[in-house]
Amino acid sequence: MQLSEDLRLALDRVAFAGKLGVVPDPWQRDLLRSDSDRVLLNCSRQSGKSTISAVIALHRALYRPGSLVLCLAPAERQSKELFSKIAAFYRTLHDAPPPDSDRKLGMHLSNGSRIEALPGTEKTVRGFSGASLLVVDEASRVDDGLYHAVRPMLAVSGGRLVMLSTPFGKRGAFFEEWTNGVGWERYEVPASACPRIPPAFLEEERRALPEWVYRQEYGCEFVETDDQVFGYDLVAASISAEIEPMFGEEF
């Protein structure tokens, strides 16, 4: 690759995506051009959120030498799927230097960068520090302890945190950050905004699925799930700052 071309791809993530064969949707182009350090992607199934996150992860590793890129998900199968997208994109860059190591769930690059994919438990991430980029896939389903454990990794590095998911009820860190979090850049992409999902398919899914499932999986709505005894709105409405807790802090 010529130096001028390499510089263009380093400075333009949209051009880099095109080099990988990805033609971004409008929201994906906005995300690729964004420099926000905190990003939430509330996106429908099959909207391309994992694909575009893989592009961002690979770009960071290639063009910021010495970067540690961590890809997290609730289970190893899910983190492996995200890493597979990254590895496949890397292989499309025929003139890119081969990685120093290429493992099932990790890659070391010759520029000193590392990409690691991990199942989402607090214990698996405790040994890492100084992450340049954290990508949390299926973020609505990861344990809150994991979210609380990964944030300190960014304290010194000033790294970027990208959380992507479909909703999973009105609970958990992803829901709390989406509704009340400060400093986040938010993207909401329902299935109706995805040109690759035919309207006829969505209509079929609407008829086949329970209403709350369709609204969650395709409409990006945070709705009550069928395993909740008390709804979020009911619990929130029952709390008042004017009433002291029944038990003291020592309880």
Protein backbone atom coordinates (compact mmCIF):
# COMPACT_ATOMS: atom_id res chain seq x y z
CA MET A 1 0.00 0.00 0.00
CA GLN A 2 1.36 3.40 -0.92
CA LEU A 3 2.12 5.78 1.93
CA SER A 4 -0.42 8.34 0.72
CA GLU A 5 -3.16 5.70 0.57
CA ASP A 6 -2.24 4.37 3.99
CA LEU A 7 -2.42 7.90 5.41
CA ARG A 8 -5.83 8.44 3.83
CA LEU A 9 -7.18 5.26 5.44
CA ALA A 10 -5.67 6.20 8.79
CA LEU A 11 -7.45 9.55 8.74
CA ASP A 12 -10.77 8.42 7.21
CA ARG A 13 -12.53 5.43 8.79
CA VAL A 14 -15.26 5.60 6.14
CA ALA A 15 -12.62 5.06 3.44
CA PHE A 16 -11.14 2.27 5.57
CA ALA A 17 -14.54 0.57 5.73
CA GLY A 18 -14.76 0.80 1.94
CA LYS A 19 -11.34 -0.83 1.67
CA LEU A 20 -12.79 -3.73 3.66
CA GLY A 21 -15.77 -4.00 1.33
CA VAL A 22 -18.23 -2.40 3.74
CA VAL A 23 -20.63 0.20 2.35
CA PRO A 24 -21.84 2.01 5.50
CA ASP A 25 -25.39 3.07 6.12
CA PRO A 26 -25.82 6.77 7.00
CA TRP A 27 -25.76 6.12 10.77
CA GLN A 28 -22.67 3.96 10.35
CA ARG A 29 -20.90 6.73 8.45
CA ASP A 30 -21.72 9.12 11.29
CA LEU A 31 -20.31 6.66 13.80
CA LEU A 32 -17.14 6.09 11.77
CA ARG A 33 -16.55 9.83 11.66
CA SER A 34 -17.24 10.30 15.35
CA ASP A 35 -14.45 10.87 17.86
CA SER A 36 -16.65 10.46 20.92
CA ASP A 37 -15.03 8.41 23.68
CA ARG A 38 -18.36 7.05 24.93
CA VAL A 39 -20.79 5.50 22.45
CA LEU A 40 -24.03 3.57 22.91
CA LEU A 41 -25.51 1.64 19.99
CA ASN A 42 -29.13 0.65 20.59
CA CYS A 43 -29.70 -1.23 17.36
CA SER A 44 -32.05 -3.81 15.92
CA ARG A 45 -30.97 -7.33 15.20
CA GLN A 46 -29.14 -7.61 11.85
CA SER A 47 -28.64 -3.84 11.63
CA GLY A 48 -24.88 -4.06 11.20
CA LYS A 49 -23.81 -2.93 14.67
CA SER A 50 -21.30 -5.76 15.15
CA THR A 51 -19.88 -5.33 11.66
CA ILE A 52 -19.23 -1.62 12.06
CA SER A 53 -17.80 -2.17 15.55
CA ALA A 54 -15.37 -4.70 14.07
CA VAL A 55 -14.26 -2.09 11.52
CA ILE A 56 -13.65 0.43 14.31
CA ALA A 57 -11.72 -2.12 16.39
CA LEU A 58 -9.43 -3.12 13.53
CA HIS A 59 -8.81 0.49 12.51
CA ARG A 60 -7.77 1.36 16.07
CA ALA A 61 -5.36 -1.60 16.27
CA LEU A 62 -3.78 -0.93 12.87
CA TYR A 63 -3.38 2.82 13.03
CA ARG A 64 -2.64 3.39 16.71
CA PRO A 65 0.46 1.26 17.41
CA GLY A 66 0.62 -0.34 20.81
CA SER A 67 -3.15 -0.28 21.33
CA LEU A 68 -4.95 -2.82 23.46
CA VAL A 69 -8.39 -3.53 21.99
CA LEU A 70 -10.72 -5.64 24.12
CA CYS A 71 -13.90 -7.18 22.69
CA LEU A 72 -16.26 -8.38 25.40
CA ALA A 73 -19.56 -10.26 25.30
CA PRO A 74 -21.69 -12.25 27.75
CA ALA A 75 -20.39 -15.60 26.44
CA GLU A 76 -17.28 -16.86 24.66
CA ARG A 77 -19.32 -17.82 21.60
CA GLN A 78 -20.46 -14.22 21.18
CA SER A 79 -17.03 -12.69 21.72
CA LYS A 80 -15.60 -15.23 19.27
CA GLU A 81 -18.16 -14.17 16.66
CA LEU A 82 -17.12 -10.52 16.97
CA PHE A 83 -13.44 -11.40 16.82
CA SER A 84 -14.07 -13.56 13.73
CA LYS A 85 -15.41 -10.47 11.95
CA ILE A 86 -12.27 -8.53 12.89
CA ALA A 87 -9.98 -11.35 11.76
CA ALA A 88 -11.87 -11.72 8.48
CA PHE A 89 -11.50 -8.00 7.79
CA TYR A 90 -7.79 -8.22 8.54
CA ARG A 91 -7.40 -11.00 5.98
CA THR A 92 -8.99 -8.83 3.30
CA LEU A 93 -6.10 -6.37 3.62
CA HIS A 94 -3.71 -8.42 1.51
CA ASP A 95 -0.90 -5.93 1.87
CA ALA A 96 -1.26 -5.57 5.62
CA PRO A 97 1.62 -7.08 7.61
CA PRO A 98 0.78 -10.53 9.00
CA PRO A 99 0.01 -10.58 12.72
CA ASP A 100 2.74 -11.78 15.05
CA SER A 101 0.21 -14.25 16.37
CA ASP A 102 -3.28 -15.16 15.26
CA ARG A 103 -5.28 -17.17 17.80
CA LYS A 104 -8.89 -18.23 18.14
CA LEU A 105 -9.72 -15.30 20.40
CA GLY A 106 -6.81 -12.93 20.01
CA MET A 107 -4.31 -11.32 17.68
CA HIS A 108 -0.94 -9.61 18.20
CA LEU A 109 0.08 -7.21 15.45
CA SER A 110 3.60 -6.30 14.39
CA ASN A 111 3.01 -2.67 15.45
CA GLY A 112 2.59 -3.76 19.07
CA SER A 113 -1.21 -3.65 19.12
CA ARG A 114 -3.26 -6.48 20.57
CA ILE A 115 -6.84 -7.51 20.00
CA GLU A 116 -8.35 -9.79 22.64
CA ALA A 117 -11.86 -11.26 22.72
CA LEU A 118 -13.11 -12.34 26.13
CA PRO A 119 -16.28 -13.82 27.61
CA GLY A 120 -17.94 -11.18 29.73
CA THR A 121 -17.20 -11.93 33.35
CA GLU A 122 -15.48 -9.72 35.86
CA LYS A 123 -12.75 -12.33 36.45
CA THR A 124 -11.71 -12.50 32.79
CA VAL A 125 -11.00 -8.77 32.48
CA ARG A 126 -9.37 -8.00 35.83
CA GLY A 127 -5.88 -8.73 34.50
CA PHE A 128 -6.03 -6.13 31.72
CA SER A 129 -5.25 -2.44 32.01
CA GLY A 130 -4.68 0.56 29.78
CA ALA A 131 -7.22 -0.40 27.13
CA SER A 132 -7.29 1.88 24.08
CA LEU A 133 -10.71 0.58 23.00
CA LEU A 134 -13.35 -1.46 24.78
CA VAL A 135 -16.13 -2.94 22.67
CA VAL A 136 -18.94 -4.53 24.71
CA ASP A 137 -21.25 -6.60 22.51
CA GLU A 138 -24.75 -7.61 23.68
CA ALA A 139 -24.20 -5.03 26.41
CA SER A 140 -27.75 -5.26 27.75
CA ARG A 141 -27.04 -8.85 28.73
CA VAL A 142 -23.62 -8.52 30.36
CA ASP A 143 -23.38 -8.62 34.12
CA ASP A 144 -23.25 -5.20 35.77
CA GLY A 145 -20.11 -6.33 37.61
CA LEU A 146 -18.31 -6.58 34.28
CA TYR A 147 -19.30 -3.04 33.33
CA HIS A 148 -18.09 -1.71 36.66
CA ALA A 149 -14.81 -3.64 36.25
CA VAL A 150 -13.97 -2.41 32.73
CA ARG A 151 -14.51 1.32 33.23
CA PRO A 152 -11.37 1.79 35.37
CA MET A 153 -9.29 0.39 32.50
CA LEU A 154 -9.86 3.69 30.71
CA ALA A 155 -8.76 5.92 33.58
CA VAL A 156 -5.13 6.31 32.48
CA SER A 157 -5.34 5.43 28.79
CA GLY A 158 -8.22 7.80 28.03
CA GLY A 159 -9.54 5.01 25.83
CA ARG A 160 -12.83 4.65 24.03
CA LEU A 161 -15.84 2.64 25.22
CA VAL A 162 -18.42 1.36 22.71
CA MET A 163 -21.43 -0.57 24.00
CA LEU A 164 -23.75 -2.18 21.47
CA SER A 165 -26.91 -4.17 21.96
CA THR A 166 -30.57 -4.66 21.45
CA PRO A 167 -32.54 -3.82 24.63
CA PHE A 168 -33.25 -6.47 27.26
CA GLY A 169 -35.84 -5.02 29.58
CA LYS A 170 -35.63 -1.97 31.79
CA ARG A 171 -32.64 -3.12 33.78
CA GLY A 172 -28.87 -3.26 33.81
CA ALA A 173 -26.05 -0.88 33.00
CA PHE A 174 -26.91 -0.53 29.31
CA PHE A 175 -30.46 0.59 30.10
CA GLU A 176 -29.32 2.92 32.87
CA GLU A 177 -26.69 4.58 30.70
CA TRP A 178 -29.08 4.88 27.76
CA THR A 179 -31.78 6.54 29.85
CA ASN A 180 -29.77 8.48 32.44
CA GLY A 181 -26.09 8.37 31.51
CA VAL A 182 -24.10 11.55 30.90
CA GLY A 183 -21.47 12.06 28.21
CA TRP A 184 -22.63 9.35 25.81
CA GLU A 185 -23.15 9.65 22.07
CA ARG A 186 -26.24 7.58 21.29
CA TYR A 187 -27.36 5.81 18.11
CA GLU A 188 -30.81 4.24 17.85
CA VAL A 189 -31.35 2.12 14.74
CA PRO A 190 -34.67 0.23 14.50
CA ALA A 191 -35.09 -2.44 11.87
CA SER A 192 -37.31 -0.13 9.82
CA ALA A 193 -34.23 2.08 9.24
CA CYS A 194 -32.09 -0.79 7.96
CA PRO A 195 -32.24 -1.09 4.14
CA ARG A 196 -31.17 -4.76 4.21
CA ILE A 197 -34.26 -5.91 6.16
CA PRO A 198 -37.30 -6.23 3.89
CA PRO A 199 -40.56 -4.71 5.20
CA ALA A 200 -42.34 -7.98 4.35
CA PHE A 201 -40.02 -9.86 6.72
CA LEU A 202 -40.70 -7.39 9.51
CA GLU A 203 -44.44 -7.74 9.01
CA GLU A 204 -44.09 -11.52 9.24
CA GLU A 205 -42.08 -11.18 12.45
CA ARG A 206 -44.64 -8.75 13.88
CA ARG A 207 -47.38 -11.38 13.40
CA ALA A 208 -45.29 -14.30 14.68
CA LEU A 209 -43.67 -12.83 17.80
CA PRO A 210 -45.13 -11.60 21.08
CA GLU A 211 -45.55 -7.83 20.91
CA TRP A 212 -42.91 -7.09 23.57
CA VAL A 213 -40.37 -9.30 21.80
CA TYR A 214 -40.91 -7.58 18.47
CA ARG A 215 -40.69 -4.12 20.02
CA GLN A 216 -37.47 -5.10 21.77
CA GLU A 217 -35.67 -7.01 19.01
CA TYR A 218 -36.72 -4.87 16.05
CA GLY A 219 -38.00 -1.60 17.51
CA CYS A 220 -35.12 -0.89 19.95
CA GLU A 221 -37.62 -0.34 22.77
CA PHE A 222 -36.85 -0.99 26.42
CA VAL A 223 -39.97 -2.89 27.44
CA GLU A 224 -40.81 -5.04 30.42
CA THR A 225 -39.86 -8.68 29.94
CA ASP A 226 -42.18 -11.52 30.89
CA ASP A 227 -39.97 -12.62 33.81
CA GLN A 228 -40.32 -9.38 35.78
CA VAL A 229 -42.66 -9.61 38.78
CA PHE A 230 -42.77 -5.83 39.25
CA GLY A 231 -42.36 -3.46 36.32
CA TYR A 232 -39.63 -0.81 36.28
CA ASP A 233 -42.09 2.08 36.11
CA LEU A 234 -44.08 0.70 39.06
CA VAL A 235 -40.95 0.35 41.22
CA ALA A 236 -39.63 3.78 40.21
CA ALA A 237 -42.96 5.40 41.05
CA SER A 238 -42.95 3.81 44.52
CA ILE A 239 -39.67 5.47 45.54
CA SER A 240 -39.75 8.90 47.16
CA ALA A 241 -36.84 11.02 48.36
CA GLU A 242 -39.14 12.40 51.06
CA ILE A 243 -39.40 9.03 52.84
CA GLU A 244 -36.46 7.76 54.87
CA PRO A 245 -35.39 4.11 54.45
CA MET A 246 -36.83 1.68 56.96
CA PHE A 247 -33.38 0.42 57.92
CA GLY A 248 -30.32 2.49 58.78
CA GLU A 249 -27.05 2.36 56.88
CA GLU A 250 -25.68 -0.13 59.41
CA PHE A 251 -28.28 -2.74 58.40
